[in-house]
Protein backbone atom coordinates (compact mmCIF):
# COMPACT_ATOMS: atom_id res chain seq x y z
CA MET A 1 133.33 83.06 156.17
CA SER A 2 134.64 84.37 152.85
CA LYS A 3 132.72 87.08 151.03
CA VAL A 4 130.12 86.08 148.47
CA LYS A 5 129.73 87.97 145.20
CA LEU A 6 127.09 87.40 142.55
CA VAL A 7 127.47 88.55 138.96
CA GLY A 8 124.24 88.71 137.00
CA SER A 9 121.77 90.67 134.93
CA TRP A 10 118.17 91.63 135.60
CA VAL A 11 117.08 90.19 132.23
CA SER A 12 118.07 86.63 133.16
CA VAL A 13 115.69 84.25 134.92
CA TYR A 14 118.71 82.15 135.91
CA ILE A 15 120.16 84.85 138.14
CA TYR A 16 116.94 84.86 140.16
CA ARG A 17 117.37 81.17 140.91
CA VAL A 18 120.59 82.05 142.71
CA ILE A 19 119.24 85.19 144.38
CA TRP A 20 116.25 83.28 145.79
CA ALA A 21 118.46 80.44 147.07
CA LEU A 22 120.86 82.86 148.75
CA LYS A 23 117.99 84.75 150.36
CA LEU A 24 116.27 81.55 151.53
CA LYS A 25 119.50 80.44 153.16
CA GLY A 26 120.18 83.87 154.65
CA VAL A 27 123.55 84.22 152.94
CA ALA A 28 124.79 87.80 152.62
CA PHE A 29 126.19 88.66 149.19
CA GLU A 30 127.34 91.57 147.06
CA TYR A 31 125.58 91.85 143.71
CA PHE A 32 127.21 93.08 140.49
CA GLU A 33 124.84 94.00 137.66
CA GLU A 34 126.31 93.05 134.30
CA ASP A 35 125.80 94.78 130.94
CA LEU A 36 125.61 91.79 128.61
CA SER A 37 126.24 93.97 125.56
CA ASN A 38 129.55 95.10 127.06
CA ARG A 39 130.85 92.36 129.34
CA SER A 40 132.95 93.57 132.23
CA PRO A 41 136.51 92.48 133.07
CA LEU A 42 135.05 90.81 136.20
CA LEU A 43 132.79 88.58 134.12
CA LEU A 44 135.44 87.77 131.51
CA TYR A 45 138.01 86.98 134.20
CA SER A 46 135.61 84.94 136.33
CA ASN A 47 134.08 82.90 133.51
CA PRO A 48 136.61 82.80 130.66
CA VAL A 49 135.12 79.60 129.18
CA HIS A 50 131.48 80.58 128.47
CA LYS A 51 131.56 84.27 129.41
CA LYS A 52 128.02 83.93 130.79
CA ILE A 53 126.06 84.70 133.94
CA PRO A 54 125.23 83.87 136.65
CA ILE A 55 128.57 83.62 138.39
CA LEU A 56 128.89 83.07 142.13
CA ILE A 57 132.27 84.08 143.55
CA HIS A 58 133.02 82.69 146.99
CA GLY A 59 136.42 83.37 148.47
CA GLU A 60 137.61 84.54 145.03
CA LYS A 61 136.65 81.15 143.55
CA PRO A 62 134.03 81.34 140.76
CA ILE A 63 131.18 78.83 140.29
CA TYR A 64 129.08 78.78 137.11
CA GLU A 65 125.64 77.61 135.96
CA SER A 66 122.62 78.36 138.14
CA MET A 67 121.75 74.82 139.25
CA ILE A 68 125.39 73.93 139.89
CA ILE A 69 125.61 77.08 142.01
CA LEU A 70 122.54 75.94 143.97
CA GLU A 71 124.16 72.56 144.63
CA TYR A 72 127.26 74.39 145.86
CA LEU A 73 125.16 76.56 148.18
CA GLU A 74 123.51 73.42 149.52
CA ASP A 75 126.90 71.93 150.39
CA VAL A 76 128.40 75.07 151.93
CA TRP A 77 125.28 76.41 153.69
CA PRO A 78 123.18 73.36 154.60
CA TYR A 79 120.72 75.31 156.77
CA TYR A 80 117.35 75.82 155.10
CA PRO A 81 117.95 72.73 152.97
CA LEU A 82 116.80 72.95 149.36
CA LEU A 83 117.09 69.19 148.83
CA PRO A 84 115.51 66.41 150.93
CA ASN A 85 117.65 64.41 153.36
CA ASP A 86 116.17 61.06 152.35
CA PRO A 87 118.32 59.54 149.55
CA TYR A 88 115.33 58.45 147.46
CA ASP A 89 113.55 61.79 147.79
CA LYS A 90 116.80 63.59 146.94
CA ALA A 91 117.27 61.44 143.83
CA THR A 92 113.66 62.16 142.81
CA ALA A 93 114.20 65.89 143.25
CA ARG A 94 117.34 65.75 141.12
CA PHE A 95 115.41 63.84 138.45
CA TRP A 96 112.87 66.68 138.15
CA ILE A 97 115.62 69.29 138.21
CA LYS A 98 117.27 67.52 135.28
CA PHE A 99 113.86 67.30 133.58
CA ALA A 100 113.50 71.07 133.89
CA GLU A 101 117.01 71.64 132.57
CA ASP A 102 116.64 69.19 129.67
CA LYS A 103 113.32 70.74 128.65
CA GLN A 104 114.79 74.25 129.04
CA ILE A 105 111.51 75.42 130.53
CA PRO A 106 112.08 79.20 130.26
CA THR A 107 113.12 78.87 126.58
CA THR A 108 110.33 76.46 125.69
CA VAL A 109 107.61 78.69 127.08
CA TRP A 110 109.27 81.88 125.79
CA LEU A 111 109.07 80.52 122.22
CA ILE A 112 105.27 80.74 122.38
CA TYR A 113 105.58 84.47 122.89
CA ARG A 114 108.31 84.93 120.28
CA THR A 115 106.96 82.80 117.41
CA ARG A 116 103.95 82.72 115.11
CA GLY A 117 102.17 80.24 112.85
CA LYS A 118 103.50 76.69 112.67
CA GLU A 119 106.45 77.42 114.96
CA GLN A 120 104.12 78.76 117.64
CA LYS A 121 101.81 75.73 117.33
CA LYS A 122 104.84 73.47 117.77
CA ALA A 123 105.95 75.45 120.83
CA VAL A 124 102.44 75.26 122.33
CA LYS A 125 102.28 71.49 121.77
CA GLU A 126 105.69 70.90 123.37
CA SER A 127 104.86 73.17 126.30
CA LEU A 128 101.53 71.47 126.97
CA GLU A 129 103.15 68.02 126.89
CA MET A 130 105.80 69.19 129.34
CA LEU A 131 103.23 70.82 131.65
CA GLN A 132 101.03 67.70 131.58
CA THR A 133 103.98 65.55 132.62
CA ILE A 134 104.71 67.85 135.54
CA GLU A 135 101.04 68.00 136.54
CA GLU A 136 100.57 64.23 136.51
CA HIS A 137 103.90 62.99 137.84
CA ALA A 138 105.81 65.70 139.71
CA LEU A 139 103.16 67.49 141.78
CA GLY A 140 101.03 65.62 144.26
CA ASP A 141 97.44 66.68 144.96
CA GLU A 142 98.26 67.53 148.57
CA ASN A 143 101.67 69.14 148.04
CA LYS A 144 101.99 72.89 148.39
CA PHE A 145 105.37 72.78 146.65
CA PHE A 146 107.33 70.13 144.77
CA GLY A 147 109.00 69.04 147.98
CA GLY A 148 105.94 69.26 150.22
CA ASP A 149 105.25 72.22 152.51
CA LYS A 150 108.44 74.20 151.82
CA ILE A 151 109.93 75.59 148.63
CA ASN A 152 112.93 73.57 147.46
CA MET A 153 115.36 73.31 144.57
CA VAL A 154 112.82 71.80 142.19
CA ASP A 155 110.49 74.78 142.65
CA ILE A 156 113.38 77.11 141.86
CA ALA A 157 114.38 75.04 138.81
CA VAL A 158 110.89 75.22 137.25
CA CYS A 159 110.27 78.86 138.20
CA GLY A 160 109.95 79.77 134.52
CA ILE A 161 106.49 78.21 134.54
CA ALA A 162 105.24 80.62 137.18
CA TYR A 163 106.54 83.71 135.41
CA TRP A 164 106.54 83.11 131.67
CA LEU A 165 103.02 81.67 131.62
CA GLY A 166 101.82 85.01 132.93
CA ILE A 167 103.40 86.69 129.91
CA ILE A 168 101.67 84.24 127.58
CA ASP A 169 98.33 84.99 129.23
CA ASP A 170 98.69 88.78 129.31
CA VAL A 171 100.66 89.58 126.16
CA ALA A 172 100.03 86.73 123.73
CA GLY A 173 96.42 86.31 124.87
CA MET A 174 96.81 82.55 125.23
CA LYS A 175 95.77 80.67 128.39
CA LEU A 176 97.86 77.51 128.62
CA VAL A 177 97.37 76.41 132.20
CA GLU A 178 93.60 76.17 132.51
CA PRO A 179 92.59 75.53 136.14
CA HIS A 180 90.33 72.60 135.27
CA ILE A 181 93.11 70.90 133.26
CA PHE A 182 96.09 71.82 135.44
CA PRO A 183 94.69 72.26 138.98
CA CYS A 184 97.94 71.31 140.73
CA LEU A 185 100.10 73.61 138.61
CA ASN A 186 97.71 76.51 139.05
CA GLN A 187 97.78 76.11 142.81
CA TRP A 188 101.55 75.73 142.80
CA ILE A 189 101.97 78.99 140.81
CA GLU A 190 99.89 80.85 143.40
CA ASN A 191 101.82 79.27 146.29
CA PHE A 192 105.20 79.97 144.69
CA LYS A 193 104.48 83.65 144.06
CA GLN A 194 103.37 84.12 147.68
CA VAL A 195 106.65 82.91 149.19
CA PRO A 196 108.10 86.06 150.84
CA VAL A 197 111.53 85.73 149.23
CA ILE A 198 109.96 85.33 145.77
CA LYS A 199 107.45 88.11 146.36
CA GLU A 200 110.13 90.52 147.56
CA ASN A 201 112.52 89.68 144.70
CA PRO A 202 110.32 89.34 141.60
CA PHE A 203 111.62 88.61 138.13
CA ILE A 204 111.95 92.23 136.96
CA VAL A 205 111.95 91.52 133.22
CA ILE A 206 108.36 90.25 133.52
CA GLN A 207 107.24 93.56 134.99
CA HIS A 208 109.10 95.37 132.20
CA LEU A 209 107.35 93.37 129.48
CA LEU A 210 103.93 93.97 131.00
CA THR A 211 104.33 97.76 131.18
């Protein structure tokens, strides 16, 4: 099997999507930390169009965009599947992945921390509407994760909820996901953070902001 390289930066939540997927699938890889203020020749050569991370390089062939990379990993390394086998369940999972991408969950929640006044109120309103939709329609009362008993690609796609909401609580002093309003989401956040791969590879920028 060809070598796998991953180009990323510790400040990006999107790189962790790929790291977690690689670890869940047991795929060995070499990691290259990127200085985004001084992009390396490797990054510029591998992604000349957008010049962004993450970049997965497999057999000297680069793949871009975190969720596209996860789809590629699913095709090449099908063990520990991150998508259901059933066509309907797979389509449903892809629907919620697209929902997460369209809503830009990390950015939407991050705006609450970064804004004030009317802009912050707008960000809170949009975040609550998004969270309510996920609570009511994406998570079942008996599901540990979005796909059932095991973490899957939807969980990885919406990971920003689990991490950025903690920042809102601790730094901005604003509790968005109240347990009595969002019981399923609260339980999911606890379950997600306890997955060994997630626990052993935490989103470092969160720890940095809280110290």
